[in-house]
Each structure stands twice: as structure tokens, then as C-alpha cells.
Amino acid sequence: MEQTGLERIDAMKAYLQEASEGMTLDQFVERRLGTIWMEFAKAVEEPVKKLAGQKTDGAVVISYLRGSIVTGSHVFYIAYYNGEPFVEEEPEGVYLDLCHIFGSAEADCMEINRILGRKFVRVLDSEKEEIRRWYLHLLYEQLGAFIKPQEKESDAADRVPVLYGGYMDKLHSIGDVGSNGEGGLT
């Protein structure tokens, strides 16, 4: 029986990861990261420094919201947690709309749909949406790995770590910020 509907998603993902014609999905992600990572770092720098303020403990967490992938709003939540991230009920934080940065990533989805059309007949809107969400999630995940901690010589005790990851998900360090505003993301 021929695969139909969302049953083809795994085959589509495999095809995009191995696409011999044109770019692979990894190349799409890498190309887009090359264009947005600096804008992303600049956009989050001010809120991160403001939240860290004069604090010397805890952590600032930059987390992407999975719901913003669905809606296409590309909202990130940046919050200062005195203790373990996501445990505090009402941490000091801000929501940051980064739609202007990720607009080009949304445009990539049109190209990805064109590549899918080479192999798959009648790609359904639901399949296109699932692939779009998958691509944006990969982009969000790898954005945190793409940002490198900025190396500064200073007293590590006066620095607040900056963590990155999905909201209520696994986090990893992408830098730190000092109480004097030094440090950050590159």
C-alpha cells in the first residue's frame, strides 16, 4: 500500500537529510545559522545583562518556546533563576520577539517544500507544516551550539552563567555575564 499523509514524514526527513540534488537539511541549517547567529546574540545581549544586573549567583536562561515554532512568532523567554532553572514560579524575565531575525528561516521552508516536491507527489499542507516545525526546531537547537562563550579574563565568582535550551528542557552553557556587564555571547 502506498504511504499517504503523515506516514511519509519519516521518509521525507530522510530524503532531506540525504538530498543529493541541491542542499541537505543540515546545509540549510548551517547556512541560516551563519546569517542569524550574530543578530540573535545582539538581540539577547541587553536583556541578559539587565537580568544579571548585580547578581553573583543563579543563572540567566535563554529558552525558546516550542509554541512559537507552531505560531511562527519566534518568541524566546529570557529569565533569571536564583536556583534551579524552571523551578521558580515567577522568575524575573522577559519575552523577546525575534520574528524579524527568523523571517529568512521561514523563507527556507518554501525551498525545502520545492525540494520535497522533486521526490514526493502532492505534498500535503500538514506534511509541509510538520517539516517546517522540524526544521525550525533543529535551527533553534543548533543555534545554542553555534554560539560560543566569550572568553574574558576576570573573576569567575562575579559571573552569572548564561544557559540556552528549550523551555522546560535540557540546557547548556553558552557564556556568562559579570555584574559589571562584561562577558556575554559571540
N, C-alpha and C. Protein backbone atom coordinates (compact mmCIF):
# COMPACT_ATOMS: atom_id res chain seq x y z
N MET A 1 0.84 -1.17 0.00
CA MET A 1 0.00 0.00 0.00
C MET A 1 0.89 1.24 0.00
N GLU A 2 0.54 2.24 -0.76
CA GLU A 2 1.30 3.49 -0.85
C GLU A 2 1.16 4.29 0.43
N GLN A 3 2.27 4.90 0.85
CA GLN A 3 2.23 5.72 2.04
C GLN A 3 1.49 7.02 1.73
N THR A 4 0.67 7.43 2.65
CA THR A 4 -0.05 8.69 2.49
C THR A 4 -0.01 9.47 3.79
N GLY A 5 -0.36 10.72 3.70
CA GLY A 5 -0.48 11.54 4.90
C GLY A 5 0.80 11.64 5.68
N LEU A 6 0.66 11.74 6.97
CA LEU A 6 1.81 11.93 7.84
C LEU A 6 2.69 10.69 7.96
N GLU A 7 2.24 9.59 7.38
CA GLU A 7 3.06 8.39 7.39
C GLU A 7 4.34 8.58 6.58
N ARG A 8 4.35 9.55 5.68
CA ARG A 8 5.52 9.79 4.83
C ARG A 8 6.55 10.71 5.47
N ILE A 9 6.26 11.26 6.62
CA ILE A 9 7.14 12.24 7.25
C ILE A 9 8.55 11.68 7.46
N ASP A 10 8.66 10.46 7.98
CA ASP A 10 9.99 9.89 8.21
C ASP A 10 10.77 9.76 6.90
N ALA A 11 10.09 9.35 5.84
CA ALA A 11 10.74 9.24 4.52
C ALA A 11 11.16 10.62 4.02
N MET A 12 10.33 11.61 4.26
CA MET A 12 10.66 12.98 3.84
C MET A 12 11.87 13.50 4.60
N LYS A 13 11.90 13.27 5.91
CA LYS A 13 13.04 13.71 6.72
C LYS A 13 14.32 13.04 6.25
N ALA A 14 14.26 11.75 5.98
CA ALA A 14 15.44 11.03 5.50
C ALA A 14 15.89 11.58 4.15
N TYR A 15 14.95 11.87 3.28
CA TYR A 15 15.29 12.42 1.96
C TYR A 15 15.96 13.78 2.10
N LEU A 16 15.44 14.62 2.98
CA LEU A 16 16.02 15.95 3.16
C LEU A 16 17.41 15.89 3.78
N GLN A 17 17.66 14.89 4.59
CA GLN A 17 18.98 14.76 5.21
C GLN A 17 20.01 14.21 4.23
N GLU A 18 19.53 13.55 3.17
CA GLU A 18 20.45 12.94 2.20
C GLU A 18 20.30 13.54 0.81
N ALA A 19 19.52 14.56 0.65
CA ALA A 19 19.21 15.12 -0.68
C ALA A 19 20.47 15.31 -1.51
N SER A 20 20.61 14.49 -2.53
CA SER A 20 21.78 14.60 -3.39
C SER A 20 21.62 15.75 -4.37
N GLU A 21 20.38 16.11 -4.65
CA GLU A 21 20.09 17.23 -5.55
C GLU A 21 19.91 18.48 -4.70
N GLY A 22 20.81 19.42 -4.83
CA GLY A 22 20.67 20.64 -4.04
C GLY A 22 21.27 20.47 -2.66
N MET A 23 20.70 21.18 -1.69
CA MET A 23 21.24 21.20 -0.33
C MET A 23 20.53 20.20 0.57
N THR A 24 21.30 19.69 1.54
CA THR A 24 20.70 18.85 2.56
C THR A 24 20.12 19.77 3.64
N LEU A 25 19.30 19.21 4.50
CA LEU A 25 18.71 20.00 5.58
C LEU A 25 19.80 20.56 6.50
N ASP A 26 20.84 19.78 6.74
CA ASP A 26 21.95 20.26 7.57
C ASP A 26 22.61 21.49 6.95
N GLN A 27 22.71 21.51 5.62
CA GLN A 27 23.29 22.67 4.94
C GLN A 27 22.37 23.88 5.05
N PHE A 28 21.05 23.65 5.00
CA PHE A 28 20.09 24.73 5.21
C PHE A 28 20.28 25.34 6.60
N VAL A 29 20.36 24.46 7.60
CA VAL A 29 20.51 24.91 8.99
C VAL A 29 21.82 25.67 9.15
N GLU A 30 22.91 25.12 8.64
CA GLU A 30 24.22 25.76 8.78
C GLU A 30 24.25 27.11 8.07
N ARG A 31 23.68 27.19 6.88
CA ARG A 31 23.64 28.45 6.14
C ARG A 31 22.84 29.50 6.92
N ARG A 32 21.69 29.09 7.44
CA ARG A 32 20.84 30.05 8.16
C ARG A 32 21.50 30.48 9.46
N LEU A 33 22.15 29.55 10.17
CA LEU A 33 22.85 29.92 11.39
C LEU A 33 23.94 30.95 11.11
N GLY A 34 24.59 30.80 9.97
CA GLY A 34 25.63 31.75 9.59
C GLY A 34 25.10 33.16 9.40
N THR A 35 23.82 33.29 9.09
CA THR A 35 23.26 34.62 8.85
C THR A 35 22.55 35.20 10.08
N ILE A 36 22.10 34.36 11.01
CA ILE A 36 21.30 34.90 12.12
C ILE A 36 21.98 34.89 13.47
N TRP A 37 23.05 34.15 13.65
CA TRP A 37 23.59 34.00 15.00
C TRP A 37 24.07 35.31 15.60
N MET A 38 24.67 36.18 14.79
CA MET A 38 25.16 37.45 15.33
C MET A 38 23.99 38.36 15.70
N GLU A 39 22.96 38.39 14.87
CA GLU A 39 21.76 39.18 15.18
C GLU A 39 21.09 38.66 16.45
N PHE A 40 21.05 37.34 16.58
CA PHE A 40 20.47 36.72 17.77
C PHE A 40 21.25 37.13 19.02
N ALA A 41 22.58 37.02 18.95
CA ALA A 41 23.43 37.37 20.09
C ALA A 41 23.24 38.84 20.48
N LYS A 42 23.13 39.72 19.48
CA LYS A 42 22.93 41.15 19.77
C LYS A 42 21.56 41.38 20.41
N ALA A 43 20.54 40.67 19.92
CA ALA A 43 19.18 40.85 20.43
C ALA A 43 19.03 40.41 21.87
N VAL A 44 19.73 39.36 22.27
CA VAL A 44 19.58 38.85 23.64
C VAL A 44 20.57 39.47 24.61
N GLU A 45 21.59 40.15 24.11
CA GLU A 45 22.63 40.68 24.98
C GLU A 45 22.10 41.66 26.03
N GLU A 46 21.31 42.63 25.61
CA GLU A 46 20.79 43.65 26.54
C GLU A 46 19.91 43.02 27.63
N PRO A 47 18.90 42.18 27.24
CA PRO A 47 18.08 41.57 28.31
C PRO A 47 18.89 40.67 29.25
N VAL A 48 19.88 39.96 28.72
CA VAL A 48 20.71 39.10 29.56
C VAL A 48 21.47 39.94 30.59
N LYS A 49 22.09 41.02 30.13
CA LYS A 49 22.85 41.88 31.05
C LYS A 49 21.94 42.53 32.07
N LYS A 50 20.76 42.95 31.64
CA LYS A 50 19.82 43.60 32.55
C LYS A 50 19.34 42.62 33.62
N LEU A 51 19.04 41.39 33.23
CA LEU A 51 18.57 40.40 34.19
C LEU A 51 19.68 39.97 35.16
N ALA A 52 20.92 39.90 34.66
CA ALA A 52 22.04 39.51 35.53
C ALA A 52 22.32 40.62 36.54
N GLY A 53 22.17 41.86 36.10
CA GLY A 53 22.35 43.01 36.99
C GLY A 53 23.56 42.89 37.89
N GLN A 54 23.37 43.08 39.15
CA GLN A 54 24.45 42.99 40.14
C GLN A 54 24.47 41.63 40.83
N LYS A 55 23.80 40.66 40.27
CA LYS A 55 23.71 39.34 40.89
C LYS A 55 25.01 38.57 40.72
N THR A 56 25.29 37.70 41.66
CA THR A 56 26.51 36.89 41.59
C THR A 56 26.22 35.39 41.69
N ASP A 57 24.96 35.04 41.80
CA ASP A 57 24.61 33.62 41.85
C ASP A 57 23.44 33.37 40.90
N GLY A 58 22.96 32.15 40.83
CA GLY A 58 21.87 31.83 39.93
C GLY A 58 22.34 31.75 38.49
N ALA A 59 21.38 31.87 37.55
CA ALA A 59 21.70 31.78 36.13
C ALA A 59 20.66 32.52 35.31
N VAL A 60 21.10 33.02 34.17
CA VAL A 60 20.19 33.59 33.19
C VAL A 60 19.96 32.51 32.15
N VAL A 61 18.70 32.26 31.83
CA VAL A 61 18.34 31.22 30.88
C VAL A 61 17.65 31.83 29.68
N ILE A 62 18.18 31.52 28.50
CA ILE A 62 17.54 31.90 27.24
C ILE A 62 16.87 30.63 26.74
N SER A 63 15.55 30.64 26.68
CA SER A 63 14.86 29.43 26.24
C SER A 63 13.89 29.76 25.11
N TYR A 64 13.89 28.88 24.13
CA TYR A 64 12.94 29.03 23.04
C TYR A 64 11.64 28.34 23.43
N LEU A 65 10.57 28.87 22.95
CA LEU A 65 9.25 28.32 23.26
C LEU A 65 8.77 27.49 22.06
N ARG A 66 8.47 26.24 22.31
CA ARG A 66 8.03 25.37 21.21
C ARG A 66 6.75 25.90 20.55
N GLY A 67 5.89 26.52 21.35
CA GLY A 67 4.66 27.09 20.81
C GLY A 67 4.93 28.17 19.79
N SER A 68 6.07 28.86 19.94
CA SER A 68 6.40 29.92 18.98
C SER A 68 6.84 29.34 17.64
N ILE A 69 7.27 28.10 17.63
CA ILE A 69 7.56 27.43 16.36
C ILE A 69 6.25 27.19 15.63
N VAL A 70 5.26 26.72 16.36
CA VAL A 70 3.95 26.44 15.77
C VAL A 70 3.32 27.70 15.21
N THR A 71 3.36 28.77 15.99
CA THR A 71 2.71 30.02 15.58
C THR A 71 3.56 30.86 14.63
N GLY A 72 4.85 30.58 14.55
CA GLY A 72 5.73 31.36 13.71
C GLY A 72 6.11 32.70 14.33
N SER A 73 5.88 32.84 15.63
CA SER A 73 6.16 34.12 16.29
C SER A 73 7.62 34.23 16.74
N HIS A 74 8.32 33.12 16.89
CA HIS A 74 9.73 33.09 17.27
C HIS A 74 10.01 33.90 18.53
N VAL A 75 9.27 33.56 19.57
CA VAL A 75 9.42 34.22 20.86
C VAL A 75 10.35 33.39 21.75
N PHE A 76 11.28 34.09 22.40
CA PHE A 76 12.19 33.47 23.34
C PHE A 76 11.91 34.04 24.71
N TYR A 77 12.09 33.22 25.74
CA TYR A 77 11.89 33.65 27.12
C TYR A 77 13.25 33.71 27.78
N ILE A 78 13.61 34.89 28.27
CA ILE A 78 14.88 35.08 28.94
C ILE A 78 14.56 35.39 30.39
N ALA A 79 15.08 34.58 31.31
CA ALA A 79 14.74 34.75 32.72
C ALA A 79 15.96 34.51 33.61
N TYR A 80 15.95 35.17 34.75
CA TYR A 80 16.97 34.96 35.77
C TYR A 80 16.38 34.03 36.82
N TYR A 81 17.07 32.93 37.07
CA TYR A 81 16.66 31.98 38.10
C TYR A 81 17.69 31.99 39.20
N ASN A 82 17.23 32.23 40.42
CA ASN A 82 18.12 32.25 41.57
C ASN A 82 18.58 30.83 41.90
N GLY A 83 17.73 29.87 41.70
CA GLY A 83 18.05 28.47 41.96
C GLY A 83 18.05 27.68 40.67
N GLU A 84 17.52 26.49 40.74
CA GLU A 84 17.46 25.62 39.57
C GLU A 84 16.50 26.20 38.52
N PRO A 85 16.93 26.22 37.24
CA PRO A 85 16.07 26.78 36.20
C PRO A 85 14.71 26.07 36.11
N PHE A 86 13.70 26.86 35.85
CA PHE A 86 12.31 26.44 35.63
C PHE A 86 11.59 25.99 36.90
N VAL A 87 12.26 26.08 38.06
CA VAL A 87 11.61 25.68 39.31
C VAL A 87 10.86 26.85 39.93
N GLU A 88 11.46 28.04 39.89
CA GLU A 88 10.79 29.22 40.42
C GLU A 88 9.50 29.48 39.66
N GLU A 89 8.46 29.83 40.39
CA GLU A 89 7.17 30.05 39.74
C GLU A 89 7.09 31.35 38.98
N GLU A 90 7.67 32.41 39.50
CA GLU A 90 7.61 33.70 38.83
C GLU A 90 8.99 34.36 38.81
N PRO A 91 9.90 33.84 37.98
CA PRO A 91 11.23 34.46 37.94
C PRO A 91 11.17 35.81 37.22
N GLU A 92 12.18 36.61 37.47
CA GLU A 92 12.31 37.87 36.74
C GLU A 92 12.67 37.50 35.30
N GLY A 93 11.88 37.95 34.34
CA GLY A 93 12.14 37.57 32.97
C GLY A 93 11.44 38.45 31.95
N VAL A 94 11.81 38.25 30.69
CA VAL A 94 11.20 38.98 29.59
C VAL A 94 10.96 38.02 28.42
N TYR A 95 9.93 38.34 27.66
CA TYR A 95 9.68 37.63 26.41
C TYR A 95 10.26 38.48 25.29
N LEU A 96 11.00 37.87 24.40
CA LEU A 96 11.66 38.58 23.32
C LEU A 96 11.17 38.05 21.98
N ASP A 97 10.53 38.92 21.21
CA ASP A 97 10.01 38.57 19.89
C ASP A 97 11.13 38.72 18.87
N LEU A 98 11.57 37.61 18.31
CA LEU A 98 12.67 37.62 17.35
C LEU A 98 12.21 37.24 15.94
N CYS A 99 10.95 37.55 15.65
CA CYS A 99 10.38 37.22 14.34
C CYS A 99 11.20 37.85 13.20
N HIS A 100 11.69 39.05 13.41
CA HIS A 100 12.46 39.75 12.38
C HIS A 100 13.76 39.01 12.05
N ILE A 101 14.31 38.30 13.00
CA ILE A 101 15.55 37.55 12.77
C ILE A 101 15.27 36.24 12.04
N PHE A 102 14.15 35.60 12.36
CA PHE A 102 13.87 34.28 11.81
C PHE A 102 13.00 34.30 10.55
N GLY A 103 12.72 35.48 10.01
CA GLY A 103 11.93 35.57 8.78
C GLY A 103 12.57 34.83 7.63
N SER A 104 13.90 34.90 7.54
CA SER A 104 14.60 34.20 6.45
C SER A 104 14.53 32.69 6.63
N ALA A 105 14.45 32.23 7.87
CA ALA A 105 14.32 30.79 8.12
C ALA A 105 12.96 30.30 7.64
N GLU A 106 11.94 31.13 7.83
CA GLU A 106 10.61 30.77 7.32
C GLU A 106 10.64 30.68 5.79
N ALA A 107 11.41 31.56 5.16
CA ALA A 107 11.53 31.53 3.70
C ALA A 107 12.23 30.25 3.23
N ASP A 108 13.16 29.74 4.04
CA ASP A 108 13.82 28.48 3.71
C ASP A 108 12.81 27.35 3.52
N CYS A 109 11.73 27.41 4.27
CA CYS A 109 10.73 26.35 4.21
C CYS A 109 10.11 26.24 2.82
N MET A 110 10.00 27.34 2.11
CA MET A 110 9.49 27.30 0.73
C MET A 110 10.45 26.50 -0.15
N GLU A 111 11.74 26.72 0.02
CA GLU A 111 12.75 25.99 -0.74
C GLU A 111 12.74 24.51 -0.36
N ILE A 112 12.58 24.24 0.92
CA ILE A 112 12.52 22.84 1.37
C ILE A 112 11.31 22.15 0.76
N ASN A 113 10.18 22.84 0.69
CA ASN A 113 8.98 22.27 0.06
C ASN A 113 9.22 21.97 -1.42
N ARG A 114 9.96 22.85 -2.09
CA ARG A 114 10.28 22.63 -3.50
C ARG A 114 11.14 21.37 -3.66
N ILE A 115 12.10 21.19 -2.76
CA ILE A 115 12.96 20.00 -2.81
C ILE A 115 12.13 18.75 -2.56
N LEU A 116 11.20 18.81 -1.61
CA LEU A 116 10.33 17.66 -1.34
C LEU A 116 9.49 17.32 -2.56
N GLY A 117 9.06 18.33 -3.30
CA GLY A 117 8.24 18.12 -4.49
C GLY A 117 8.95 17.36 -5.59
N ARG A 118 10.27 17.30 -5.55
CA ARG A 118 11.03 16.54 -6.55
C ARG A 118 10.82 15.04 -6.40
N LYS A 119 10.62 14.59 -5.18
CA LYS A 119 10.51 13.16 -4.93
C LYS A 119 9.10 12.72 -4.55
N PHE A 120 8.37 13.57 -3.84
CA PHE A 120 7.06 13.18 -3.31
C PHE A 120 5.95 13.88 -4.10
N VAL A 121 4.96 13.11 -4.47
CA VAL A 121 3.82 13.64 -5.20
C VAL A 121 2.81 14.20 -4.21
N ARG A 122 2.29 15.36 -4.53
CA ARG A 122 1.25 16.02 -3.72
C ARG A 122 1.62 16.06 -2.24
N VAL A 123 2.60 16.87 -1.93
CA VAL A 123 2.98 17.05 -0.53
C VAL A 123 1.86 17.83 0.14
N LEU A 124 1.28 17.22 1.15
CA LEU A 124 0.14 17.81 1.84
C LEU A 124 0.57 18.99 2.72
N ASP A 125 -0.36 19.90 2.96
CA ASP A 125 -0.07 21.04 3.84
C ASP A 125 0.34 20.57 5.23
N SER A 126 -0.28 19.52 5.72
CA SER A 126 0.08 19.00 7.05
C SER A 126 1.51 18.47 7.06
N GLU A 127 1.94 17.88 5.96
CA GLU A 127 3.32 17.40 5.87
C GLU A 127 4.29 18.57 5.80
N LYS A 128 3.93 19.58 5.02
CA LYS A 128 4.78 20.77 4.92
C LYS A 128 4.93 21.42 6.29
N GLU A 129 3.83 21.50 7.03
CA GLU A 129 3.87 22.11 8.36
C GLU A 129 4.73 21.29 9.32
N GLU A 130 4.62 19.99 9.27
CA GLU A 130 5.43 19.13 10.13
C GLU A 130 6.92 19.28 9.82
N ILE A 131 7.26 19.36 8.54
CA ILE A 131 8.65 19.55 8.13
C ILE A 131 9.14 20.94 8.54
N ARG A 132 8.29 21.95 8.42
CA ARG A 132 8.64 23.31 8.85
C ARG A 132 8.97 23.34 10.34
N ARG A 133 8.12 22.72 11.12
CA ARG A 133 8.35 22.68 12.58
C ARG A 133 9.64 21.94 12.90
N TRP A 134 9.89 20.86 12.22
CA TRP A 134 11.10 20.06 12.43
C TRP A 134 12.34 20.89 12.10
N TYR A 135 12.31 21.57 10.96
CA TYR A 135 13.43 22.41 10.53
C TYR A 135 13.69 23.53 11.54
N LEU A 136 12.65 24.24 11.96
CA LEU A 136 12.83 25.34 12.91
C LEU A 136 13.32 24.83 14.26
N HIS A 137 12.84 23.67 14.68
CA HIS A 137 13.32 23.10 15.94
C HIS A 137 14.81 22.77 15.84
N LEU A 138 15.23 22.20 14.71
CA LEU A 138 16.66 21.93 14.51
C LEU A 138 17.47 23.22 14.53
N LEU A 139 16.93 24.25 13.90
CA LEU A 139 17.59 25.55 13.87
C LEU A 139 17.73 26.13 15.28
N TYR A 140 16.65 26.08 16.05
CA TYR A 140 16.69 26.58 17.43
C TYR A 140 17.70 25.81 18.26
N GLU A 141 17.68 24.49 18.15
CA GLU A 141 18.58 23.65 18.93
C GLU A 141 20.03 23.95 18.59
N GLN A 142 20.35 24.02 17.32
CA GLN A 142 21.73 24.22 16.92
C GLN A 142 22.19 25.65 17.10
N LEU A 143 21.27 26.59 17.21
CA LEU A 143 21.65 27.98 17.47
C LEU A 143 22.41 28.07 18.79
N GLY A 144 21.97 27.34 19.79
CA GLY A 144 22.67 27.34 21.07
C GLY A 144 24.05 26.74 20.98
N ALA A 145 24.25 25.74 20.14
CA ALA A 145 25.56 25.13 19.97
C ALA A 145 26.47 26.02 19.12
N PHE A 146 25.87 26.85 18.28
CA PHE A 146 26.62 27.72 17.38
C PHE A 146 27.24 28.90 18.12
N ILE A 147 26.56 29.34 19.19
CA ILE A 147 27.05 30.47 19.99
C ILE A 147 28.12 29.95 20.93
N LYS A 148 29.25 30.61 20.92
CA LYS A 148 30.35 30.20 21.77
C LYS A 148 30.49 31.17 22.94
N PRO A 149 30.83 30.66 24.11
CA PRO A 149 31.06 31.57 25.24
C PRO A 149 32.19 32.54 24.90
N GLN A 150 32.01 33.78 25.29
CA GLN A 150 33.03 34.80 25.07
C GLN A 150 34.07 34.69 26.18
N GLU A 151 35.31 34.58 25.79
CA GLU A 151 36.39 34.42 26.77
C GLU A 151 36.83 35.79 27.27
N LYS A 152 36.75 36.01 28.56
CA LYS A 152 37.23 37.24 29.19
C LYS A 152 37.94 36.84 30.47
N GLU A 153 39.06 37.48 30.71
CA GLU A 153 39.77 37.22 31.96
C GLU A 153 39.18 38.10 33.04
N SER A 154 38.55 37.49 34.01
CA SER A 154 38.02 38.22 35.16
C SER A 154 37.67 37.22 36.24
N ASP A 155 37.25 37.71 37.36
CA ASP A 155 36.92 36.86 38.48
C ASP A 155 35.66 36.05 38.18
N ALA A 156 35.79 34.75 38.05
CA ALA A 156 34.66 33.88 37.72
C ALA A 156 33.58 33.89 38.81
N ALA A 157 33.95 34.26 40.03
CA ALA A 157 32.99 34.28 41.12
C ALA A 157 31.94 35.38 40.94
N ASP A 158 32.28 36.42 40.19
CA ASP A 158 31.36 37.53 39.96
C ASP A 158 30.55 37.36 38.68
N ARG A 159 30.53 36.19 38.13
CA ARG A 159 29.88 35.97 36.84
C ARG A 159 28.66 35.07 37.00
N VAL A 160 27.65 35.39 36.23
CA VAL A 160 26.41 34.61 36.23
C VAL A 160 26.38 33.81 34.92
N PRO A 161 26.23 32.50 34.99
CA PRO A 161 26.19 31.71 33.75
C PRO A 161 24.95 32.02 32.91
N VAL A 162 25.13 31.92 31.61
CA VAL A 162 24.02 32.07 30.66
C VAL A 162 23.80 30.70 30.05
N LEU A 163 22.58 30.19 30.20
CA LEU A 163 22.22 28.86 29.70
C LEU A 163 21.25 29.00 28.54
N TYR A 164 21.24 28.01 27.65
CA TYR A 164 20.37 28.04 26.48
C TYR A 164 19.72 26.68 26.29
N GLY A 165 18.47 26.68 25.84
CA GLY A 165 17.77 25.45 25.51
C GLY A 165 16.28 25.70 25.40
N GLY A 166 15.54 24.63 25.21
CA GLY A 166 14.10 24.72 25.14
C GLY A 166 13.50 24.98 26.51
N TYR A 167 12.37 25.65 26.53
CA TYR A 167 11.70 25.93 27.80
C TYR A 167 11.31 24.61 28.45
N MET A 168 11.69 24.44 29.72
CA MET A 168 11.44 23.22 30.49
C MET A 168 12.14 22.01 29.87
N ASP A 169 13.28 22.25 29.23
CA ASP A 169 14.01 21.19 28.56
C ASP A 169 15.48 21.26 28.99
N LYS A 170 16.30 20.47 28.36
CA LYS A 170 17.73 20.41 28.66
C LYS A 170 18.40 21.73 28.29
N LEU A 171 19.30 22.19 29.15
CA LEU A 171 20.01 23.45 28.94
C LEU A 171 21.51 23.19 28.88
N HIS A 172 22.23 24.09 28.20
CA HIS A 172 23.69 24.04 28.22
C HIS A 172 24.24 25.46 28.26
N SER A 173 25.45 25.59 28.75
CA SER A 173 26.07 26.89 28.93
C SER A 173 26.51 27.46 27.58
N ILE A 174 26.21 28.74 27.37
CA ILE A 174 26.67 29.42 26.15
C ILE A 174 27.49 30.66 26.50
N GLY A 175 27.78 30.87 27.76
CA GLY A 175 28.58 32.01 28.16
C GLY A 175 28.26 32.41 29.58
N ASP A 176 28.69 33.59 29.93
CA ASP A 176 28.37 34.14 31.23
C ASP A 176 28.46 35.65 31.14
N VAL A 177 27.91 36.29 32.16
CA VAL A 177 27.91 37.75 32.20
C VAL A 177 28.27 38.16 33.62
N GLY A 178 29.12 39.18 33.71
CA GLY A 178 29.54 39.65 35.03
C GLY A 178 28.64 40.76 35.53
N SER A 179 28.77 41.05 36.80
CA SER A 179 27.96 42.08 37.41
C SER A 179 28.28 43.46 36.85
N ASN A 180 29.44 43.60 36.18
CA ASN A 180 29.81 44.87 35.57
C ASN A 180 29.44 44.92 34.10
N GLY A 181 28.71 43.90 33.61
CA GLY A 181 28.28 43.87 32.21
C GLY A 181 29.28 43.21 31.29
N GLU A 182 30.43 42.74 31.82
CA GLU A 182 31.40 42.07 30.97
C GLU A 182 30.92 40.66 30.64
N GLY A 183 31.50 40.12 29.61
CA GLY A 183 31.18 38.76 29.18
C GLY A 183 30.00 38.79 28.24
N GLY A 184 29.56 37.64 27.89
CA GLY A 184 28.41 37.59 27.00
C GLY A 184 28.54 36.51 25.97
N LEU A 185 27.96 36.76 24.81
CA LEU A 185 27.87 35.78 23.75
C LEU A 185 28.56 36.30 22.51
N THR A 186 29.18 35.40 21.77
CA THR A 186 29.77 35.79 20.48
C THR A 186 29.30 34.83 19.41
